[in-house]
Protein backbone atom coordinates (compact mmCIF):
# COMPACT_ATOMS: atom_id res chain seq x y z
CA LEU A 1 33.24 -7.73 -38.81
CA PRO A 2 32.42 -6.79 -35.21
CA PRO A 3 30.52 -9.40 -33.20
CA PRO A 4 26.70 -9.15 -32.94
CA LEU A 5 25.49 -6.93 -30.11
CA ARG A 6 24.36 -9.20 -27.29
CA TYR A 7 21.90 -6.67 -25.82
CA ARG A 8 20.05 -6.61 -29.18
CA ASN A 9 19.69 -10.36 -29.63
CA SER A 10 16.12 -10.36 -28.31
CA SER A 11 14.93 -7.27 -30.22
CA ILE A 12 12.19 -7.50 -32.81
CA CYS A 13 12.88 -6.58 -36.45
CA THR A 14 12.39 -2.89 -37.23
CA ASN A 15 13.19 -0.47 -40.03
CA ASP A 16 16.32 0.85 -38.34
CA ALA A 17 17.24 3.37 -41.05
CA HIS A 18 13.80 5.02 -41.00
CA ASP A 19 13.60 5.04 -37.19
CA PHE A 20 17.13 6.46 -36.92
CA ASN A 21 16.30 9.39 -39.21
CA GLU A 22 13.08 10.04 -37.30
CA THR A 23 15.05 10.04 -34.04
CA LEU A 24 17.56 12.57 -35.38
CA LYS A 25 14.70 14.83 -36.54
CA ALA A 26 13.03 14.58 -33.11
CA MET A 27 16.26 15.51 -31.34
CA SER A 28 16.67 18.54 -33.60
CA VAL A 29 13.11 19.64 -32.83
CA MET A 30 13.96 19.35 -29.13
CA GLY A 31 16.79 21.86 -29.66
CA LEU A 32 19.68 19.41 -29.36
CA ASP A 33 22.63 20.48 -31.51
CA GLU A 34 24.81 18.08 -33.51
CA ARG A 35 27.40 17.81 -30.75
CA LYS A 36 24.79 16.83 -28.17
CA GLN A 37 23.19 14.36 -30.59
CA SER A 38 26.61 12.81 -31.18
CA ASP A 39 27.12 12.45 -27.41
CA ILE A 40 23.72 10.76 -27.04
CA LEU A 41 24.43 8.29 -29.84
CA ARG A 42 27.88 7.68 -28.37
CA THR A 43 26.30 6.79 -25.03
CA VAL A 44 23.82 4.39 -26.66
CA ALA A 45 26.69 2.73 -28.54
CA ALA A 46 28.68 2.42 -25.31
CA ILE A 47 25.74 0.68 -23.62
CA LEU A 48 25.37 -1.79 -26.49
CA HIS A 49 29.09 -2.58 -26.71
CA LEU A 50 29.33 -2.89 -22.93
CA GLY A 51 26.98 -5.85 -23.28
CA ASN A 52 29.62 -7.57 -25.42
CA VAL A 53 32.20 -7.42 -22.63
CA THR A 54 32.22 -10.97 -21.30
CA PHE A 55 34.23 -12.74 -18.63
CA THR A 56 35.94 -16.03 -18.04
CA GLU A 57 36.66 -17.64 -14.69
CA LYS A 58 40.21 -18.06 -13.48
CA GLY A 59 40.76 -19.35 -9.96
CA ASN A 60 37.17 -18.43 -8.95
CA TYR A 61 37.74 -14.84 -10.11
CA ALA A 62 36.57 -13.03 -13.25
CA GLU A 63 38.93 -12.22 -16.11
CA ILE A 64 38.08 -10.27 -19.27
CA ALA A 65 37.28 -12.71 -22.10
CA THR A 66 36.70 -10.11 -24.85
CA PRO A 67 39.49 -7.47 -24.74
CA PRO A 68 38.46 -5.82 -28.06
CA SER A 69 34.93 -5.16 -26.74
CA LEU A 70 36.37 -3.79 -23.50
CA GLN A 71 38.74 -1.49 -25.40
CA PHE A 72 36.03 -0.15 -27.71
CA THR A 73 33.62 0.40 -24.81
CA ALA A 74 36.30 2.33 -22.91
CA HIS A 75 36.90 4.40 -26.07
CA LEU A 76 33.20 5.26 -26.30
CA LEU A 77 32.94 6.10 -22.60
CA GLN A 78 36.27 7.94 -22.84
CA VAL A 79 37.67 6.30 -19.72
CA GLU A 80 40.89 4.36 -19.20
CA LYS A 81 40.62 0.77 -20.42
CA GLU A 82 42.52 -0.54 -17.38
CA GLN A 83 40.22 1.36 -15.01
CA LEU A 84 37.08 0.02 -16.70
CA SER A 85 38.46 -3.52 -16.52
CA SER A 86 39.32 -3.11 -12.84
CA LYS A 87 35.96 -1.61 -11.82
CA LEU A 88 34.00 -4.32 -13.62
CA ARG A 89 35.98 -7.09 -11.91
CA SER A 90 36.41 -5.69 -8.39
CA ARG A 91 34.58 -3.64 -5.82
CA LYS A 92 35.81 -1.31 -3.13
CA PHE A 93 34.43 -1.90 0.36
CA ASP A 94 34.97 0.46 3.28
CA SER A 95 35.83 -1.31 6.51
CA LYS A 96 36.09 0.20 9.96
CA TRP A 97 37.77 -1.29 13.00
CA GLY A 98 37.35 0.93 16.04
CA SER A 99 38.56 4.38 15.01
CA GLU A 100 40.49 3.05 12.00
CA ALA A 101 38.88 3.20 8.55
CA ASP A 102 40.25 1.47 5.48
CA SER A 103 39.21 0.51 1.95
CA ILE A 104 39.49 -3.03 0.63
CA ASP A 105 39.37 -4.05 -3.04
CA VAL A 106 37.48 -7.33 -3.37
CA THR A 107 37.86 -9.29 -6.62
CA LEU A 108 34.54 -10.45 -8.08
CA THR A 109 33.50 -13.85 -9.37
CA LEU A 110 32.37 -14.33 -12.97
CA GLU A 111 28.71 -14.10 -11.94
CA GLN A 112 29.29 -10.97 -9.85
CA ALA A 113 31.28 -9.27 -12.63
CA THR A 114 28.52 -10.03 -15.14
CA TYR A 115 25.99 -8.52 -12.75
CA THR A 116 28.19 -5.41 -12.31
CA ARG A 117 28.51 -4.97 -16.09
CA ASP A 118 24.73 -5.14 -16.53
CA ALA A 119 24.20 -2.77 -13.60
CA LEU A 120 26.44 -0.16 -15.26
CA ALA A 121 24.62 -0.60 -18.60
CA LYS A 122 21.19 -0.23 -16.95
CA ASP A 123 22.30 2.83 -15.00
CA LEU A 124 23.73 4.53 -18.09
CA TYR A 125 20.50 3.84 -19.95
CA ALA A 126 18.35 5.17 -17.08
CA ARG A 127 20.39 8.37 -16.77
CA LEU A 128 20.30 8.97 -20.53
CA PHE A 129 16.53 8.36 -20.54
CA ASP A 130 16.05 10.87 -17.69
CA PHE A 131 18.17 13.41 -19.58
CA LEU A 132 16.00 13.06 -22.69
CA VAL A 133 12.78 13.41 -20.68
CA LYS A 134 14.18 16.59 -19.14
CA GLN A 135 15.07 17.91 -22.61
CA VAL A 136 11.53 17.23 -23.89
CA ASN A 137 10.02 19.02 -20.89
CA GLU A 138 12.32 22.01 -21.35
CA ALA A 139 11.51 22.20 -25.07
CA MET A 140 7.78 22.28 -24.27
CA GLN A 141 8.12 24.68 -21.33
CA THR A 142 6.30 27.98 -21.80
CA ARG A 143 8.13 31.21 -21.07
CA VAL A 144 5.13 32.71 -19.26
CA GLU A 145 3.98 31.48 -15.86
CA GLY A 146 0.31 30.76 -15.36
CA ASN A 147 -2.28 28.19 -14.46
CA SER A 148 -2.09 24.88 -16.24
CA ILE A 149 -3.97 21.64 -16.63
CA GLY A 150 -1.98 18.47 -16.04
CA ILE A 151 -2.98 14.95 -17.03
CA LEU A 152 -1.81 11.97 -15.00
CA ASP A 153 -2.20 8.72 -16.90
CA ILE A 154 -0.82 5.72 -15.04
CA TYR A 155 -0.92 1.96 -15.22
CA GLY A 156 -4.10 0.62 -13.70
CA PHE A 157 -4.11 -1.90 -10.90
CA GLU A 158 -2.44 -5.12 -12.04
CA ILE A 159 -3.49 -8.62 -11.03
CA PHE A 160 -1.98 -11.34 -13.23
CA ASN A 161 -1.53 -15.08 -12.90
CA ARG A 162 2.05 -14.34 -11.87
CA ASN A 163 2.81 -11.04 -10.13
CA GLY A 164 6.34 -9.88 -9.39
CA PHE A 165 8.23 -6.81 -8.21
CA GLU A 166 6.98 -4.65 -11.09
CA GLN A 167 3.32 -5.37 -10.23
CA PHE A 168 4.07 -4.70 -6.56
CA CYS A 169 5.45 -1.23 -7.40
CA ILE A 170 2.59 -0.38 -9.79
CA ASN A 171 0.00 -1.48 -7.24
CA PHE A 172 1.76 0.52 -4.53
CA VAL A 173 1.44 3.71 -6.60
CA ASN A 174 -2.24 2.90 -7.20
CA GLU A 175 -2.76 2.51 -3.45
CA LYS A 176 -1.15 5.94 -2.90
CA LEU A 177 -3.43 7.53 -5.50
CA GLN A 178 -6.46 5.83 -3.97
CA GLN A 179 -5.39 7.44 -0.70
CA ILE A 180 -5.66 10.88 -2.31
CA PHE A 181 -9.07 10.00 -3.73
CA ILE A 182 -10.26 9.04 -0.25
CA GLN A 183 -8.65 12.07 1.39
CA LEU A 184 -10.02 14.65 -1.06
CA THR A 185 -13.47 13.20 -1.67
CA LEU A 186 -14.93 10.71 0.75
CA LYS A 187 -13.14 11.95 3.89
CA ALA A 188 -12.80 15.70 3.27
CA GLU A 189 -16.34 16.17 1.95
CA GLN A 190 -17.95 14.45 4.93
CA GLU A 191 -15.79 16.39 7.38
CA GLU A 192 -16.98 19.60 5.72
CA TYR A 193 -20.63 18.56 6.14
CA VAL A 194 -20.04 17.92 9.84
CA ALA A 195 -18.23 21.25 10.28
CA GLU A 196 -21.15 23.13 8.69
CA ASP A 197 -23.78 21.23 10.72
CA ILE A 198 -25.38 19.76 7.62
CA LYS A 199 -27.62 16.81 8.36
CA TRP A 200 -25.80 13.85 6.99
CA ARG A 201 -25.79 10.11 7.26
CA PRO A 202 -22.09 9.12 7.33
CA ILE A 203 -21.00 6.93 4.45
CA GLU A 204 -18.81 4.00 5.32
CA TYR A 205 -15.84 3.34 3.07
CA PHE A 206 -12.63 1.32 3.14
CA ASN A 207 -9.68 3.51 4.10
CA ASN A 208 -6.65 1.92 2.46
CA GLN A 209 -4.19 3.67 4.79
CA VAL A 210 -3.60 0.33 6.51
CA VAL A 211 -2.48 -1.26 3.21
CA VAL A 212 -0.16 1.65 2.36
CA GLU A 213 1.45 1.34 5.79
CA LEU A 214 1.93 -2.40 5.27
CA MET A 215 3.79 -1.67 2.05
CA GLU A 216 5.93 1.34 2.93
CA ASP A 217 6.10 1.95 6.70
CA ARG A 218 9.45 2.09 8.49
CA ASN A 219 8.28 1.48 12.03
CA PRO A 220 7.01 -1.17 12.18
CA PRO A 221 8.83 -2.10 8.97
CA GLY A 222 6.73 -2.65 5.87
CA VAL A 223 7.47 -4.75 2.78
CA PHE A 224 9.68 -2.17 1.05
CA CYS A 225 11.71 -1.56 4.21
CA ILE A 226 12.30 -5.28 4.82
CA LEU A 227 13.24 -5.77 1.16
CA ASP A 228 15.80 -2.94 1.36
CA ASP A 229 17.32 -4.43 4.50
CA VAL A 230 17.78 -7.80 2.80
CA CYS A 231 19.27 -6.17 -0.32
CA ALA A 232 21.70 -4.15 1.82
CA THR A 233 23.37 -7.36 2.98
CA GLN A 234 23.33 -8.99 -0.45
CA HIS A 235 26.68 -9.18 -2.25
CA ALA A 236 26.18 -9.10 -6.03
CA VAL A 237 24.33 -12.36 -6.79
CA ASN A 238 23.25 -14.32 -3.73
CA ARG A 239 21.28 -17.50 -4.28
CA GLY A 240 18.41 -17.97 -1.90
CA VAL A 241 18.18 -14.27 -1.05
CA ASP A 242 14.51 -14.09 -2.17
CA ILE A 243 13.64 -16.93 0.22
CA ASP A 244 15.47 -15.04 2.98
CA PHE A 245 13.35 -11.99 2.17
CA GLN A 246 10.18 -14.09 2.35
CA LYS A 247 11.15 -15.47 5.77
CA LYS A 248 11.98 -12.04 7.22
CA LEU A 249 8.79 -10.63 5.77
CA ASN A 250 6.73 -13.35 7.39
CA ASN A 251 8.42 -12.84 10.76
CA ALA A 252 7.77 -9.10 10.65
CA VAL A 253 4.21 -8.81 9.31
CA LYS A 254 2.64 -12.27 9.53
CA SER A 255 -0.01 -11.02 11.97
CA HIS A 256 -1.12 -8.17 9.68
CA GLU A 257 -4.75 -8.55 8.61
CA HIS A 258 -3.92 -7.69 5.00
CA PHE A 259 -0.94 -10.07 4.64
CA LEU A 260 -0.81 -13.79 3.99
CA LEU A 261 2.23 -16.01 3.38
CA THR A 262 2.15 -18.43 0.44
CA ARG A 263 4.52 -21.14 -0.75
CA GLU A 264 6.00 -18.97 -3.51
CA GLY A 265 5.66 -15.58 -1.89
CA PHE A 266 2.90 -13.61 -0.19
CA VAL A 267 -0.57 -12.16 -0.67
CA ILE A 268 -1.61 -8.57 0.02
CA ARG A 269 -5.27 -7.66 0.37
CA HIS A 270 -5.32 -4.50 -1.75
CA TYR A 271 -8.31 -2.19 -2.05
CA ALA A 272 -8.82 -3.68 -5.53
CA GLY A 273 -8.62 -7.28 -4.37
CA ASN A 274 -6.17 -9.92 -3.21
CA VAL A 275 -2.90 -10.11 -5.16
CA SER A 276 -0.49 -13.03 -4.85
CA TYR A 277 3.14 -12.01 -5.38
CA ASN A 278 5.94 -14.40 -6.32
CA VAL A 279 9.13 -13.35 -4.48
CA GLU A 280 11.44 -14.76 -7.16
CA GLY A 281 13.50 -11.87 -8.53
CA PHE A 282 12.26 -9.34 -5.95
CA CYS A 283 15.73 -8.65 -4.54
CA ASP A 284 17.46 -8.61 -7.91
CA ARG A 285 14.99 -6.10 -9.35
CA ASN A 286 14.97 -3.95 -6.22
CA ARG A 287 18.73 -3.53 -6.13
CA ASP A 288 19.86 -0.39 -7.91
CA VAL A 289 23.50 -0.99 -7.21
CA LEU A 290 26.03 1.26 -8.85
CA PHE A 291 28.67 1.54 -6.20
CA LEU A 292 30.86 4.57 -5.61
CA ASP A 293 33.85 3.25 -7.56
CA LEU A 294 31.77 2.90 -10.76
CA ILE A 295 30.30 6.38 -10.30
CA GLN A 296 33.81 7.77 -9.80
CA LEU A 297 34.94 5.96 -12.95
CA MET A 298 32.23 7.67 -14.99
CA GLN A 299 33.07 11.02 -13.44
CA SER A 300 36.65 10.55 -14.67
CA SER A 301 35.49 10.40 -18.31
CA ASP A 302 37.10 12.83 -20.75
CA ASN A 303 33.64 13.37 -22.26
CA ALA A 304 31.81 16.30 -20.67
CA PHE A 305 28.35 14.92 -21.51
CA MET A 306 29.21 11.56 -19.95
CA ARG A 307 30.36 13.32 -16.77
CA SER A 308 27.17 15.39 -16.69
CA LEU A 309 25.12 12.19 -16.41
CA PHE A 310 26.89 11.54 -13.10
CA PRO A 311 26.65 14.89 -11.26
CA GLU A 312 29.07 15.65 -8.46
CA GLU A 313 26.47 15.55 -5.68
CA ILE A 314 25.83 11.87 -6.34
CA ALA A 315 29.41 11.01 -5.44
CA ALA A 316 29.29 13.26 -2.38
CA ALA A 317 26.08 11.66 -1.17
CA SER A 318 27.43 8.19 -1.79
CA LYS A 319 30.29 8.81 0.61
CA THR A 320 27.95 9.57 3.47
CA LYS A 321 25.25 6.94 3.10
CA SER A 322 25.73 3.45 4.42
CA ARG A 323 23.86 1.67 1.64
CA PRO A 324 23.10 2.24 -2.04
CA THR A 325 19.69 3.38 -3.21
CA THR A 326 17.17 0.79 -4.35
CA ALA A 327 14.46 0.78 -6.99
CA GLY A 328 11.90 0.54 -4.18
CA SER A 329 13.21 3.61 -2.37
CA LYS A 330 13.10 5.57 -5.64
CA ILE A 331 9.52 4.47 -6.30
CA ARG A 332 8.47 5.55 -2.80
CA SER A 333 10.22 8.90 -3.14
CA GLN A 334 8.68 9.59 -6.56
CA ALA A 335 5.23 8.48 -5.37
CA ASN A 336 5.39 10.80 -2.35
CA LYS A 337 6.47 13.73 -4.55
CA LEU A 338 3.59 12.98 -6.90
CA VAL A 339 1.14 12.85 -4.00
CA ALA A 340 2.42 16.19 -2.65
CA ARG A 341 1.98 17.78 -6.06
CA LEU A 342 -1.52 16.38 -6.53
CA MET A 343 -2.58 17.51 -3.07
CA ALA A 344 -1.71 21.08 -4.12
CA CYS A 345 -4.01 20.81 -7.16
CA SER A 346 -7.74 20.56 -7.70
CA PRO A 347 -7.97 17.04 -9.08
CA HIS A 348 -10.78 15.62 -11.18
CA TYR A 349 -11.05 11.92 -11.87
CA ILE A 350 -11.83 9.86 -14.94
CA ARG A 351 -12.45 6.28 -13.89
CA CYS A 352 -12.04 3.68 -16.62
CA ILE A 353 -14.22 0.59 -16.30
CA LYS A 354 -13.23 -2.47 -18.32
CA PRO A 355 -16.42 -4.16 -19.58
CA ASN A 356 -14.60 -7.46 -20.17
CA GLU A 357 -11.16 -9.05 -20.15
CA ASN A 358 -11.27 -10.06 -23.82
CA LYS A 359 -11.20 -6.55 -25.36
CA ARG A 360 -14.33 -7.38 -27.35
CA PRO A 361 -17.09 -4.87 -28.20
CA LYS A 362 -20.63 -5.40 -26.87
CA ASP A 363 -19.35 -7.92 -24.31
CA PHE A 364 -20.51 -6.78 -20.87
CA ASP A 365 -19.24 -8.87 -17.95
CA SER A 366 -21.56 -7.66 -15.18
CA GLU A 367 -19.63 -9.42 -12.42
CA ARG A 368 -16.35 -7.86 -13.55
CA VAL A 369 -17.90 -4.40 -13.85
CA HIS A 370 -19.58 -4.68 -10.44
CA HIS A 371 -16.24 -5.56 -8.85
CA GLN A 372 -14.59 -2.45 -10.34
CA VAL A 373 -17.43 -0.17 -9.24
CA GLU A 374 -17.11 -1.55 -5.73
CA TYR A 375 -13.34 -1.30 -5.26
CA LEU A 376 -13.11 2.14 -6.89
CA GLY A 377 -15.65 3.46 -4.39
CA LEU A 378 -17.83 4.94 -7.14
CA ARG A 379 -21.15 4.51 -5.33
CA GLU A 380 -19.79 6.14 -2.19
CA ASN A 381 -18.36 9.00 -4.22
CA ILE A 382 -21.68 9.62 -5.99
CA ARG A 383 -23.54 9.68 -2.66
CA VAL A 384 -21.06 12.19 -1.23
CA ARG A 385 -21.29 14.41 -4.32
CA ARG A 386 -25.11 14.67 -4.30
């Protein structure tokens, strides 16, 4: 019997047979033929079996501890077993001395090789997920152009007892959307009144531009920029890198009125309130490292679908940029594209007010509700709309 799949050890019990049949039906409805469905399932299997590739340490360097898992994963990915083994256990670095450029293969430690394996698995999963989203959108796409109504439903602002990188990204997107709300309602409406000489008592409101700049600016550098700089110098797994990030962050923005250093991280004064972030895991989660040699490995696959998940322009771009992309840079790029799209629309807002934190009916926490009304700027918006 094959060994249990390590990536599934933490999954909850489900009716796999029923869910599998439902998944196949859904893919057929999306217009995916049997060949494409087979390629998708093959990719999922490759991800799961990749998790069973483990390493042992020999002279401070990683060696493959599970050759059968490596061989079967290579078979599923349709790449050379020796190449997969090499790329998981080493990394190519470009060095330049004066006018001379050279490439150096650096052998990885057990910890670094494990990180590289997981990075490849995560990247494969993310690319497959994006492919499926694209297929769903294409299946639902109308053949006739016209006006449409779009619905944007996002995570609300998150303030937990412990807040990490995920909460930082979610709250950043919420700050960007609050910016649009301010720009299109409170600011634009009042400017129109002034332009038309309408008698008007200006309404004061908090412009969160200063918070957005703290989070994403390049000059002076904001939190995302400093985090990317720290990650660019991080080699696989570096202990203490989160503390290094915290120190550099404090040196760069400690005088900012919306920033405060804490023992475990930092606090940002968001429009919705103060949020304390724990820096542990920030760098690890921000890194989106799939270096050029792993991308080239996947582009050498004999499977056309597998190659299509790693389009040629990615490799070309990787040769010219000095550092790999990060999760933070992707979030910023996607948020800015979303903002640009929303600015071209005529948005209407539905503001959800949580009456209590216990999800109980007929339980009205007036203090909690008042806080939400305040930070969402609802009173100011009503006064402007009169």
